[in-house]
Amino acid sequence: MARLDNTENVLTGKMSTMEYICSLIESKHAHVAERNPDVLWTYDIQVAQWCQIRDAQAAGKKVVFFGGPVPTDIIYAFDCQPFPRRASAA
């Protein structure tokens, strides 16, 4: 699994926050693939979501932050990458 020592790279600007999140999720995905492949599908979803957001700018797409009930098909239709804002549990 990825270690938290990469936080130093994030704090100094050598690694973006998205790169850090993706490396952490990909590391967890590899770990779960070895240990418990029955629940691997939950990590497949996270890897797909975070890595698509990370790679959006390189692919020439804009990231669209939204909250509430928004059909993501509309966002994809405009060749953008959706980034849902999660409501915090209060």
C-alpha atoms as a PDB file:
ATOM      1  CA  MET A   1       0.000   0.000   0.000  1.00  0.00           C
ATOM      2  CA  ALA A   2       1.070   3.575  -0.581  1.00  0.00           C
ATOM      3  CA  ARG A   3       2.628   5.224   2.409  1.00  0.00           C
ATOM      4  CA  LEU A   4       1.765   8.608   3.753  1.00  0.00           C
ATOM      5  CA  ASP A   5       5.327   9.776   3.118  1.00  0.00           C
ATOM      6  CA  ASN A   6       4.086  11.100  -0.242  1.00  0.00           C
ATOM      7  CA  THR A   7       2.335  13.844   1.683  1.00  0.00           C
ATOM      8  CA  GLU A   8       5.677  15.640   1.789  1.00  0.00           C
ATOM      9  CA  ASN A   9       5.658  15.694  -2.030  1.00  0.00           C
ATOM     10  CA  VAL A  10       2.146  17.143  -2.035  1.00  0.00           C
ATOM     11  CA  LEU A  11       3.012  19.821   0.506  1.00  0.00           C
ATOM     12  CA  THR A  12       6.119  20.876  -1.435  1.00  0.00           C
ATOM     13  CA  GLY A  13       4.278  20.908  -4.775  1.00  0.00           C
ATOM     14  CA  LYS A  14       6.174  18.001  -6.359  1.00  0.00           C
ATOM     15  CA  MET A  15       2.961  15.981  -6.578  1.00  0.00           C
ATOM     16  CA  SER A  16      -0.585  17.243  -7.092  1.00  0.00           C
ATOM     17  CA  THR A  17      -3.353  16.312  -4.707  1.00  0.00           C
ATOM     18  CA  MET A  18      -5.109  14.377  -7.478  1.00  0.00           C
ATOM     19  CA  GLU A  19      -1.946  12.415  -8.270  1.00  0.00           C
ATOM     20  CA  TYR A  20      -1.657  11.562  -4.582  1.00  0.00           C
ATOM     21  CA  ILE A  21      -5.300  10.450  -4.355  1.00  0.00           C
ATOM     22  CA  CYS A  22      -4.975   8.311  -7.490  1.00  0.00           C
ATOM     23  CA  SER A  23      -1.752   6.674  -6.327  1.00  0.00           C
ATOM     24  CA  LEU A  24      -3.368   5.877  -2.992  1.00  0.00           C
ATOM     25  CA  ILE A  25      -6.519   4.424  -4.584  1.00  0.00           C
ATOM     26  CA  GLU A  26      -4.520   2.419  -7.143  1.00  0.00           C
ATOM     27  CA  SER A  27      -2.357   1.027  -4.351  1.00  0.00           C
ATOM     28  CA  LYS A  28      -5.434   0.009  -2.361  1.00  0.00           C
ATOM     29  CA  HIS A  29      -6.898  -1.545  -5.514  1.00  0.00           C
ATOM     30  CA  ALA A  30      -3.793  -3.701  -5.987  1.00  0.00           C
ATOM     31  CA  HIS A  31      -3.839  -4.694  -2.319  1.00  0.00           C
ATOM     32  CA  VAL A  32      -7.519  -5.704  -2.398  1.00  0.00           C
ATOM     33  CA  ALA A  33      -6.986  -7.615  -5.671  1.00  0.00           C
ATOM     34  CA  GLU A  34      -4.534  -9.858  -3.825  1.00  0.00           C
ATOM     35  CA  ARG A  35      -6.372 -10.104  -0.502  1.00  0.00           C
ATOM     36  CA  ASN A  36     -10.099 -10.010  -1.239  1.00  0.00           C
ATOM     37  CA  PRO A  37     -11.016  -9.990  -4.943  1.00  0.00           C
ATOM     38  CA  ASP A  38     -14.741 -10.373  -4.132  1.00  0.00           C
ATOM     39  CA  VAL A  39     -14.980  -6.688  -3.145  1.00  0.00           C
ATOM     40  CA  LEU A  40     -12.649  -5.445  -5.873  1.00  0.00           C
ATOM     41  CA  TRP A  41     -15.555  -3.920  -7.791  1.00  0.00           C
ATOM     42  CA  THR A  42     -15.895  -1.212  -5.123  1.00  0.00           C
ATOM     43  CA  TYR A  43     -12.318  -0.108  -5.777  1.00  0.00           C
ATOM     44  CA  ASP A  44     -12.796  -0.339  -9.561  1.00  0.00           C
ATOM     45  CA  ILE A  45     -15.403   2.401  -9.239  1.00  0.00           C
ATOM     46  CA  GLN A  46     -13.089   4.622  -7.184  1.00  0.00           C
ATOM     47  CA  VAL A  47     -10.123   4.107  -9.510  1.00  0.00           C
ATOM     48  CA  ALA A  48     -12.265   4.987 -12.520  1.00  0.00           C
ATOM     49  CA  GLN A  49     -13.741   8.099 -10.883  1.00  0.00           C
ATOM     50  CA  TRP A  50     -10.551   9.614  -9.458  1.00  0.00           C
ATOM     51  CA  CYS A  51      -8.267   8.772 -12.373  1.00  0.00           C
ATOM     52  CA  GLN A  52     -10.739  10.190 -14.908  1.00  0.00           C
ATOM     53  CA  ILE A  53     -10.823  13.413 -12.927  1.00  0.00           C
ATOM     54  CA  ARG A  54      -7.006  13.460 -12.734  1.00  0.00           C
ATOM     55  CA  ASP A  55      -6.602  12.825 -16.470  1.00  0.00           C
ATOM     56  CA  ALA A  56      -9.338  15.230 -17.613  1.00  0.00           C
ATOM     57  CA  GLN A  57      -7.083  18.233 -18.075  1.00  0.00           C
ATOM     58  CA  ALA A  58      -4.479  16.257 -20.010  1.00  0.00           C
ATOM     59  CA  ALA A  59      -7.290  15.019 -22.259  1.00  0.00           C
ATOM     60  CA  GLY A  60      -8.447  18.589 -22.889  1.00  0.00           C
ATOM     61  CA  LYS A  61     -11.616  18.285 -20.815  1.00  0.00           C
ATOM     62  CA  LYS A  62     -12.938  20.644 -18.195  1.00  0.00           C
ATOM     63  CA  VAL A  63     -13.876  19.387 -14.749  1.00  0.00           C
ATOM     64  CA  VAL A  64     -17.378  20.421 -13.698  1.00  0.00           C
ATOM     65  CA  PHE A  65     -18.111  20.568  -9.973  1.00  0.00           C
ATOM     66  CA  PHE A  66     -21.771  20.118  -9.120  1.00  0.00           C
ATOM     67  CA  GLY A  67     -23.999  19.371  -6.187  1.00  0.00           C
ATOM     68  CA  GLY A  68     -27.487  18.024  -6.038  1.00  0.00           C
ATOM     69  CA  PRO A  69     -29.437  16.039  -8.587  1.00  0.00           C
ATOM     70  CA  VAL A  70     -27.724  16.787 -11.877  1.00  0.00           C
ATOM     71  CA  PRO A  71     -27.865  14.286 -14.747  1.00  0.00           C
ATOM     72  CA  THR A  72     -24.208  13.600 -15.526  1.00  0.00           C
ATOM     73  CA  ASP A  73     -25.128  12.673 -19.107  1.00  0.00           C
ATOM     74  CA  ILE A  74     -25.462  16.390 -19.808  1.00  0.00           C
ATOM     75  CA  ILE A  75     -21.960  17.047 -18.460  1.00  0.00           C
ATOM     76  CA  TYR A  76     -20.508  14.222 -20.548  1.00  0.00           C
ATOM     77  CA  ALA A  77     -22.398  15.537 -23.605  1.00  0.00           C
ATOM     78  CA  PHE A  78     -20.419  18.772 -23.363  1.00  0.00           C
ATOM     79  CA  ASP A  79     -17.185  16.716 -23.291  1.00  0.00           C
ATOM     80  CA  CYS A  80     -16.537  17.554 -19.639  1.00  0.00           C
ATOM     81  CA  GLN A  81     -15.670  15.421 -16.625  1.00  0.00           C
ATOM     82  CA  PRO A  82     -18.164  15.517 -13.724  1.00  0.00           C
ATOM     83  CA  PHE A  83     -16.856  15.947 -10.188  1.00  0.00           C
ATOM     84  CA  PRO A  84     -19.737  15.528  -7.742  1.00  0.00           C
ATOM     85  CA  ARG A  85     -19.620  17.583  -4.581  1.00  0.00           C
ATOM     86  CA  ARG A  86     -20.451  15.320  -1.680  1.00  0.00           C
ATOM     87  CA  ALA A  87     -22.771  16.735   0.948  1.00  0.00           C
ATOM     88  CA  SER A  88     -21.268  16.364   4.400  1.00  0.00           C
ATOM     89  CA  ALA A  89     -23.286  14.578   7.029  1.00  0.00           C
ATOM     90  CA  ALA A  90     -24.254  17.198   9.574  1.00  0.00           C
END
